[in-house]
N, C-alpha and C. Protein backbone atom coordinates (compact mmCIF):
# COMPACT_ATOMS: atom_id res chain seq x y z
N MET A 1 170.88 -35.48 251.02
CA MET A 1 172.10 -34.99 250.36
C MET A 1 171.89 -35.01 248.86
N THR A 2 172.48 -34.08 248.21
CA THR A 2 172.43 -34.04 246.76
C THR A 2 173.45 -35.06 246.19
N TYR A 3 173.30 -35.31 244.91
CA TYR A 3 174.23 -36.21 244.22
C TYR A 3 175.68 -35.72 244.42
N GLN A 4 175.90 -34.43 244.21
CA GLN A 4 177.29 -33.89 244.33
C GLN A 4 177.78 -33.95 245.77
N GLU A 5 176.94 -33.75 246.73
CA GLU A 5 177.35 -33.82 248.12
C GLU A 5 177.73 -35.27 248.47
N LYS A 6 177.02 -36.23 247.92
CA LYS A 6 177.41 -37.66 248.15
C LYS A 6 178.74 -37.95 247.53
N ILE A 7 178.97 -37.43 246.33
CA ILE A 7 180.29 -37.64 245.66
C ILE A 7 181.38 -37.09 246.54
N GLU A 8 181.20 -35.87 247.04
CA GLU A 8 182.24 -35.26 247.89
C GLU A 8 182.42 -36.10 249.15
N TRP A 9 181.37 -36.60 249.72
CA TRP A 9 181.45 -37.41 250.92
C TRP A 9 182.26 -38.69 250.62
N LEU A 10 182.00 -39.32 249.49
CA LEU A 10 182.72 -40.50 249.10
C LEU A 10 184.17 -40.27 248.86
N ARG A 11 184.52 -39.06 248.37
CA ARG A 11 185.89 -38.74 248.06
C ARG A 11 186.75 -38.47 249.32
N GLN A 12 186.12 -38.43 250.51
CA GLN A 12 186.87 -38.13 251.73
C GLN A 12 188.01 -39.08 251.99
N TYR A 13 187.82 -40.40 251.70
CA TYR A 13 188.85 -41.37 252.00
C TYR A 13 190.07 -41.14 251.05
N ARG A 14 189.81 -40.98 249.76
CA ARG A 14 190.93 -40.75 248.82
C ARG A 14 191.67 -39.49 249.16
N ALA A 15 190.95 -38.43 249.59
CA ALA A 15 191.60 -37.19 249.98
C ALA A 15 192.50 -37.42 251.20
N ALA A 16 192.01 -38.23 252.15
CA ALA A 16 192.81 -38.56 253.33
C ALA A 16 194.05 -39.33 252.99
N VAL A 17 193.96 -40.26 252.01
CA VAL A 17 195.10 -41.01 251.54
C VAL A 17 196.10 -40.10 250.88
N ASN A 18 195.62 -39.12 250.12
CA ASN A 18 196.56 -38.16 249.49
C ASN A 18 197.28 -37.33 250.49
N ARG A 19 196.60 -36.92 251.56
CA ARG A 19 197.24 -36.18 252.63
C ARG A 19 198.32 -37.06 253.33
N GLU A 20 197.97 -38.36 253.49
CA GLU A 20 198.96 -39.26 254.08
C GLU A 20 200.20 -39.39 253.18
N ARG A 21 200.01 -39.49 251.91
CA ARG A 21 201.15 -39.60 251.00
C ARG A 21 202.03 -38.31 251.01
N LEU A 22 201.39 -37.18 251.14
CA LEU A 22 202.17 -35.93 251.22
C LEU A 22 203.01 -35.94 252.49
N LEU A 23 202.44 -36.37 253.59
CA LEU A 23 203.21 -36.43 254.86
C LEU A 23 204.34 -37.43 254.75
N GLU A 24 204.09 -38.58 254.09
CA GLU A 24 205.16 -39.53 253.89
C GLU A 24 206.33 -38.96 253.10
N GLY A 25 206.00 -38.17 252.05
CA GLY A 25 207.02 -37.50 251.27
C GLY A 25 207.79 -36.49 252.09
N GLU A 26 207.06 -35.75 252.92
CA GLU A 26 207.70 -34.78 253.83
C GLU A 26 208.65 -35.49 254.77
N MET A 27 208.23 -36.64 255.29
CA MET A 27 209.09 -37.41 256.21
C MET A 27 210.39 -37.81 255.51
N GLU A 28 210.28 -38.29 254.31
CA GLU A 28 211.46 -38.70 253.55
C GLU A 28 212.42 -37.51 253.34
N THR A 29 211.83 -36.33 253.02
CA THR A 29 212.65 -35.15 252.78
C THR A 29 213.34 -34.74 254.09
N LEU A 30 212.62 -34.78 255.18
CA LEU A 30 213.21 -34.42 256.49
C LEU A 30 214.31 -35.43 256.93
N ARG A 31 214.07 -36.67 256.70
CA ARG A 31 215.08 -37.68 257.10
C ARG A 31 216.36 -37.53 256.26
N SER A 32 216.15 -37.24 254.96
CA SER A 32 217.29 -37.04 254.12
C SER A 32 218.10 -35.79 254.58
N ALA A 33 217.38 -34.74 254.90
CA ALA A 33 218.07 -33.53 255.38
C ALA A 33 218.81 -33.79 256.68
N ALA A 34 218.18 -34.58 257.56
CA ALA A 34 218.82 -34.92 258.86
C ALA A 34 220.07 -35.77 258.64
N GLN A 35 220.05 -36.67 257.65
CA GLN A 35 221.24 -37.46 257.36
C GLN A 35 222.37 -36.58 256.87
N ARG A 36 222.02 -35.58 256.03
CA ARG A 36 223.05 -34.68 255.55
C ARG A 36 223.66 -33.84 256.70
N VAL A 37 222.81 -33.39 257.61
CA VAL A 37 223.29 -32.65 258.78
C VAL A 37 224.19 -33.54 259.62
N THR A 38 223.75 -34.75 259.85
CA THR A 38 224.54 -35.70 260.66
C THR A 38 225.92 -35.91 260.03
N ALA A 39 225.94 -36.07 258.71
CA ALA A 39 227.22 -36.28 258.01
C ALA A 39 228.13 -35.07 258.15
N CYS A 40 227.55 -33.87 258.08
CA CYS A 40 228.34 -32.63 258.24
C CYS A 40 228.91 -32.50 259.63
N LEU A 41 228.14 -32.97 260.61
CA LEU A 41 228.59 -32.77 262.02
C LEU A 41 229.39 -33.93 262.57
N GLY A 42 229.40 -35.03 261.84
CA GLY A 42 230.02 -36.23 262.36
C GLY A 42 231.49 -36.07 262.76
N GLY A 43 231.78 -36.28 264.01
CA GLY A 43 233.15 -36.29 264.52
C GLY A 43 233.83 -34.97 264.62
N MET A 44 233.15 -33.87 264.34
CA MET A 44 233.81 -32.58 264.41
C MET A 44 233.09 -31.66 265.44
N PRO A 45 233.71 -31.52 266.59
CA PRO A 45 233.08 -30.66 267.61
C PRO A 45 232.91 -29.23 267.08
N GLY A 46 231.71 -28.68 267.25
CA GLY A 46 231.40 -27.34 266.83
C GLY A 46 231.36 -27.15 265.33
N ALA A 47 231.24 -28.24 264.57
CA ALA A 47 231.22 -28.15 263.14
C ALA A 47 229.97 -27.44 262.65
N GLY A 48 230.12 -26.70 261.64
CA GLY A 48 228.99 -26.02 261.06
C GLY A 48 228.68 -24.72 261.79
N GLN A 49 227.89 -23.88 261.15
CA GLN A 49 227.57 -22.60 261.75
C GLN A 49 226.41 -22.67 262.73
N ASP A 50 225.60 -23.70 262.64
CA ASP A 50 224.39 -23.81 263.51
C ASP A 50 224.43 -25.16 264.21
N PRO A 51 224.95 -25.19 265.45
CA PRO A 51 225.05 -26.48 266.15
C PRO A 51 223.65 -27.05 266.54
N ASP A 52 222.60 -26.23 266.41
CA ASP A 52 221.24 -26.72 266.75
C ASP A 52 220.55 -27.32 265.52
N ARG A 53 221.24 -27.43 264.39
CA ARG A 53 220.60 -27.96 263.20
C ARG A 53 220.05 -29.38 263.42
N LEU A 54 220.85 -30.22 264.00
CA LEU A 54 220.43 -31.61 264.20
C LEU A 54 219.24 -31.71 265.15
N PRO A 55 219.26 -31.09 266.31
CA PRO A 55 218.07 -31.15 267.19
C PRO A 55 216.83 -30.58 266.51
N LYS A 56 216.99 -29.54 265.75
CA LYS A 56 215.84 -28.94 265.02
C LYS A 56 215.29 -29.94 264.00
N ALA A 57 216.24 -30.59 263.29
CA ALA A 57 215.80 -31.56 262.30
C ALA A 57 215.09 -32.72 262.93
N VAL A 58 215.57 -33.16 264.04
CA VAL A 58 214.94 -34.29 264.79
C VAL A 58 213.56 -33.85 265.26
N GLU A 59 213.43 -32.65 265.75
CA GLU A 59 212.13 -32.15 266.24
C GLU A 59 211.15 -32.08 265.09
N LYS A 60 211.56 -31.61 263.92
CA LYS A 60 210.64 -31.56 262.79
C LYS A 60 210.21 -32.95 262.36
N ILE A 61 211.13 -33.90 262.40
CA ILE A 61 210.81 -35.25 262.04
C ILE A 61 209.78 -35.84 263.03
N GLU A 62 209.99 -35.57 264.31
CA GLU A 62 209.04 -36.06 265.31
C GLU A 62 207.68 -35.46 265.13
N GLU A 63 207.61 -34.15 264.86
CA GLU A 63 206.31 -33.47 264.62
C GLU A 63 205.61 -34.09 263.39
N THR A 64 206.36 -34.25 262.37
CA THR A 64 205.79 -34.81 261.13
C THR A 64 205.35 -36.25 261.34
N GLN A 65 206.14 -37.04 262.09
CA GLN A 65 205.78 -38.40 262.38
C GLN A 65 204.45 -38.44 263.16
N LYS A 66 204.26 -37.54 264.08
CA LYS A 66 203.00 -37.48 264.82
C LYS A 66 201.83 -37.15 263.89
N LYS A 67 202.03 -36.18 263.04
CA LYS A 67 200.99 -35.80 262.07
C LYS A 67 200.65 -36.98 261.17
N LEU A 68 201.69 -37.71 260.74
CA LEU A 68 201.50 -38.87 259.89
C LEU A 68 200.70 -39.95 260.60
N GLU A 69 201.02 -40.22 261.84
CA GLU A 69 200.28 -41.23 262.61
C GLU A 69 198.83 -40.83 262.77
N GLU A 70 198.57 -39.54 263.02
CA GLU A 70 197.20 -39.04 263.13
C GLU A 70 196.48 -39.23 261.80
N GLN A 71 197.18 -38.92 260.70
CA GLN A 71 196.58 -39.03 259.38
C GLN A 71 196.25 -40.50 259.04
N VAL A 72 197.13 -41.41 259.41
CA VAL A 72 196.86 -42.83 259.16
C VAL A 72 195.59 -43.21 259.94
N GLY A 73 195.44 -42.80 261.15
CA GLY A 73 194.23 -43.09 261.92
C GLY A 73 193.01 -42.49 261.26
N ASP A 74 193.12 -41.26 260.77
CA ASP A 74 192.01 -40.61 260.05
C ASP A 74 191.63 -41.42 258.80
N CYS A 75 192.64 -41.87 258.06
CA CYS A 75 192.36 -42.69 256.88
C CYS A 75 191.59 -43.96 257.24
N LEU A 76 191.99 -44.60 258.30
CA LEU A 76 191.31 -45.84 258.69
C LEU A 76 189.86 -45.58 259.03
N VAL A 77 189.61 -44.48 259.77
CA VAL A 77 188.23 -44.12 260.13
C VAL A 77 187.40 -43.82 258.87
N ARG A 78 187.96 -42.99 258.02
CA ARG A 78 187.22 -42.58 256.82
C ARG A 78 186.96 -43.81 255.90
N ARG A 79 187.95 -44.66 255.77
CA ARG A 79 187.80 -45.86 254.94
C ARG A 79 186.66 -46.72 255.47
N ALA A 80 186.63 -46.94 256.78
CA ALA A 80 185.60 -47.73 257.40
C ALA A 80 184.22 -47.10 257.16
N GLU A 81 184.11 -45.78 257.28
CA GLU A 81 182.84 -45.11 257.06
C GLU A 81 182.34 -45.29 255.61
N VAL A 82 183.25 -45.12 254.67
CA VAL A 82 182.87 -45.25 253.27
C VAL A 82 182.52 -46.72 252.95
N MET A 83 183.31 -47.64 253.45
CA MET A 83 183.01 -49.04 253.22
C MET A 83 181.68 -49.48 253.82
N ARG A 84 181.36 -48.92 255.00
CA ARG A 84 180.07 -49.25 255.65
C ARG A 84 178.91 -48.82 254.77
N VAL A 85 179.02 -47.61 254.27
CA VAL A 85 177.91 -47.07 253.43
C VAL A 85 177.83 -47.82 252.11
N VAL A 86 178.95 -48.10 251.50
CA VAL A 86 178.97 -48.87 250.24
C VAL A 86 178.41 -50.25 250.45
N ALA A 87 178.76 -50.88 251.54
CA ALA A 87 178.25 -52.27 251.82
C ALA A 87 176.77 -52.27 252.04
N ALA A 88 176.20 -51.15 252.44
CA ALA A 88 174.76 -51.07 252.65
C ALA A 88 173.92 -51.08 251.36
N VAL A 89 174.58 -50.92 250.25
CA VAL A 89 173.91 -50.97 248.92
C VAL A 89 173.73 -52.43 248.57
N ALA A 90 172.50 -52.75 248.14
CA ALA A 90 172.13 -54.18 247.88
C ALA A 90 172.79 -54.75 246.66
N ASP A 91 172.96 -54.01 245.61
CA ASP A 91 173.46 -54.53 244.34
C ASP A 91 174.98 -54.69 244.35
N PRO A 92 175.45 -55.91 244.13
CA PRO A 92 176.90 -56.17 244.16
C PRO A 92 177.68 -55.41 243.08
N ALA A 93 177.06 -55.19 241.94
CA ALA A 93 177.77 -54.43 240.89
C ALA A 93 177.96 -53.00 241.30
N VAL A 94 177.01 -52.44 241.94
CA VAL A 94 177.11 -51.05 242.47
C VAL A 94 178.20 -51.02 243.55
N GLN A 95 178.17 -51.96 244.43
CA GLN A 95 179.18 -52.01 245.48
C GLN A 95 180.60 -52.06 244.87
N GLU A 96 180.75 -52.92 243.83
CA GLU A 96 182.06 -53.04 243.21
C GLU A 96 182.53 -51.74 242.55
N VAL A 97 181.62 -51.10 241.83
CA VAL A 97 181.98 -49.82 241.20
C VAL A 97 182.38 -48.80 242.22
N LEU A 98 181.59 -48.63 243.26
CA LEU A 98 181.84 -47.62 244.25
C LEU A 98 183.10 -47.96 245.04
N ARG A 99 183.31 -49.22 245.40
CA ARG A 99 184.53 -49.64 246.08
C ARG A 99 185.78 -49.35 245.26
N ARG A 100 185.71 -49.76 243.98
CA ARG A 100 186.86 -49.55 243.12
C ARG A 100 187.16 -48.05 242.90
N ARG A 101 186.11 -47.27 242.79
CA ARG A 101 186.27 -45.84 242.51
C ARG A 101 186.74 -45.09 243.75
N TYR A 102 186.10 -45.31 244.92
CA TYR A 102 186.34 -44.46 246.09
C TYR A 102 187.26 -45.06 247.13
N ILE A 103 187.47 -46.36 247.07
CA ILE A 103 188.45 -47.00 248.01
C ILE A 103 189.77 -47.25 247.27
N LEU A 104 189.69 -47.87 246.14
CA LEU A 104 190.89 -48.21 245.42
C LEU A 104 191.39 -47.05 244.50
N GLY A 105 190.51 -46.09 244.22
CA GLY A 105 190.92 -44.93 243.41
C GLY A 105 191.08 -45.25 241.94
N GLU A 106 190.42 -46.25 241.45
CA GLU A 106 190.55 -46.66 240.06
C GLU A 106 189.76 -45.69 239.14
N SER A 107 190.20 -45.58 237.93
CA SER A 107 189.47 -44.75 236.92
C SER A 107 188.26 -45.54 236.44
N TYR A 108 187.33 -44.81 235.83
CA TYR A 108 186.15 -45.45 235.29
C TYR A 108 186.55 -46.48 234.20
N ALA A 109 187.54 -46.16 233.38
CA ALA A 109 188.00 -47.06 232.33
C ALA A 109 188.56 -48.35 232.95
N ASP A 110 189.34 -48.24 233.99
CA ASP A 110 189.90 -49.41 234.65
C ASP A 110 188.79 -50.26 235.26
N ILE A 111 187.80 -49.64 235.84
CA ILE A 111 186.68 -50.33 236.41
C ILE A 111 185.92 -51.09 235.34
N ALA A 112 185.71 -50.45 234.20
CA ALA A 112 185.00 -51.10 233.07
C ALA A 112 185.77 -52.32 232.60
N ASP A 113 187.10 -52.20 232.49
CA ASP A 113 187.92 -53.33 232.08
C ASP A 113 187.83 -54.44 233.09
N ALA A 114 187.97 -54.14 234.38
CA ALA A 114 187.98 -55.14 235.40
C ALA A 114 186.64 -55.88 235.48
N MET A 115 185.56 -55.16 235.22
CA MET A 115 184.22 -55.76 235.36
C MET A 115 183.75 -56.33 234.01
N GLY A 116 184.45 -56.07 232.94
CA GLY A 116 184.08 -56.63 231.65
C GLY A 116 182.83 -55.96 231.07
N VAL A 117 182.66 -54.69 231.33
CA VAL A 117 181.49 -53.97 230.81
C VAL A 117 182.03 -52.71 230.08
N VAL A 118 181.15 -52.11 229.30
CA VAL A 118 181.55 -50.88 228.59
C VAL A 118 181.55 -49.70 229.57
N LEU A 119 182.31 -48.72 229.21
CA LEU A 119 182.48 -47.52 230.04
C LEU A 119 181.16 -46.87 230.37
N ARG A 120 180.28 -46.75 229.41
CA ARG A 120 178.98 -46.13 229.63
C ARG A 120 178.20 -46.86 230.75
N ARG A 121 178.30 -48.15 230.79
CA ARG A 121 177.60 -48.94 231.82
C ARG A 121 178.17 -48.64 233.23
N VAL A 122 179.44 -48.44 233.29
CA VAL A 122 180.04 -48.10 234.57
C VAL A 122 179.50 -46.74 235.05
N TYR A 123 179.40 -45.77 234.16
CA TYR A 123 178.85 -44.47 234.51
C TYR A 123 177.40 -44.63 235.01
N GLN A 124 176.62 -45.47 234.35
CA GLN A 124 175.24 -45.70 234.75
C GLN A 124 175.16 -46.34 236.14
N ILE A 125 175.96 -47.35 236.33
CA ILE A 125 175.99 -48.05 237.62
C ILE A 125 176.42 -47.08 238.74
N HIS A 126 177.45 -46.30 238.41
CA HIS A 126 177.95 -45.33 239.40
C HIS A 126 176.90 -44.34 239.79
N ARG A 127 176.23 -43.71 238.85
CA ARG A 127 175.23 -42.73 239.10
C ARG A 127 174.09 -43.31 239.94
N ALA A 128 173.58 -44.48 239.49
CA ALA A 128 172.51 -45.13 240.24
C ALA A 128 172.93 -45.51 241.67
N GLY A 129 174.17 -45.92 241.82
CA GLY A 129 174.71 -46.29 243.10
C GLY A 129 174.84 -45.12 244.04
N VAL A 130 175.34 -44.01 243.52
CA VAL A 130 175.50 -42.82 244.35
C VAL A 130 174.13 -42.31 244.79
N LEU A 131 173.19 -42.29 243.90
CA LEU A 131 171.84 -41.87 244.27
C LEU A 131 171.18 -42.76 245.29
N ALA A 132 171.56 -44.07 245.30
CA ALA A 132 170.96 -45.04 246.21
C ALA A 132 171.66 -45.06 247.57
N LEU A 133 172.77 -44.39 247.72
CA LEU A 133 173.52 -44.44 248.97
C LEU A 133 172.65 -43.91 250.16
N PRO A 134 172.75 -44.63 251.28
CA PRO A 134 171.99 -44.26 252.44
C PRO A 134 172.67 -43.18 253.25
N LEU A 135 172.79 -42.01 252.68
CA LEU A 135 173.42 -40.90 253.39
C LEU A 135 172.35 -39.83 253.65
N GLY A 136 172.45 -39.27 254.86
CA GLY A 136 171.50 -38.22 255.25
C GLY A 136 172.05 -36.85 255.01
N ARG A 137 171.78 -35.95 255.88
CA ARG A 137 172.30 -34.58 255.76
C ARG A 137 173.81 -34.54 255.97
N PRO A 138 174.52 -33.65 255.35
CA PRO A 138 175.98 -33.59 255.50
C PRO A 138 176.44 -33.48 256.93
N GLU A 139 175.72 -32.67 257.74
CA GLU A 139 176.19 -32.54 259.13
C GLU A 139 176.04 -33.80 259.94
N GLN A 140 175.16 -34.74 259.51
CA GLN A 140 175.03 -36.01 260.20
C GLN A 140 176.17 -36.94 259.89
N ASN A 141 176.84 -36.74 258.77
CA ASN A 141 177.88 -37.65 258.35
C ASN A 141 179.26 -37.04 258.46
N ALA A 142 179.36 -35.82 258.97
CA ALA A 142 180.68 -35.21 259.09
C ALA A 142 181.52 -35.94 260.13
N SER A 143 182.81 -35.96 259.91
CA SER A 143 183.70 -36.61 260.91
C SER A 143 184.59 -35.65 261.57
């Protein structure tokens, strides 16, 4: 794998987390809409122009909940894969930089502060670490 392919592979977990957050936001929006529908329909037979609004809202919530559960599972798998590869690197400083960057999603500046090194050193550790990762061909590591 090239350097850039390794970077993209490492980013898979953070991308999965971002998809999870989007689904969580969608769930909140759907629940809020369902509460408004429930309030409109509460106690009034035949209230509103679309009596199927509440069942439709519940169905959308259930579909999104299922997608969210699948995404959480995907995040766990991807996190474990990335952690396994990062843990295979011998140098603890490299492990820390890669873990902070690709698992915790920290910026290079935050990593430098946390590790007590200059930003340039974090870039050096990162590059050397990515190049040292035990990753083969992209199709071997696809999930």
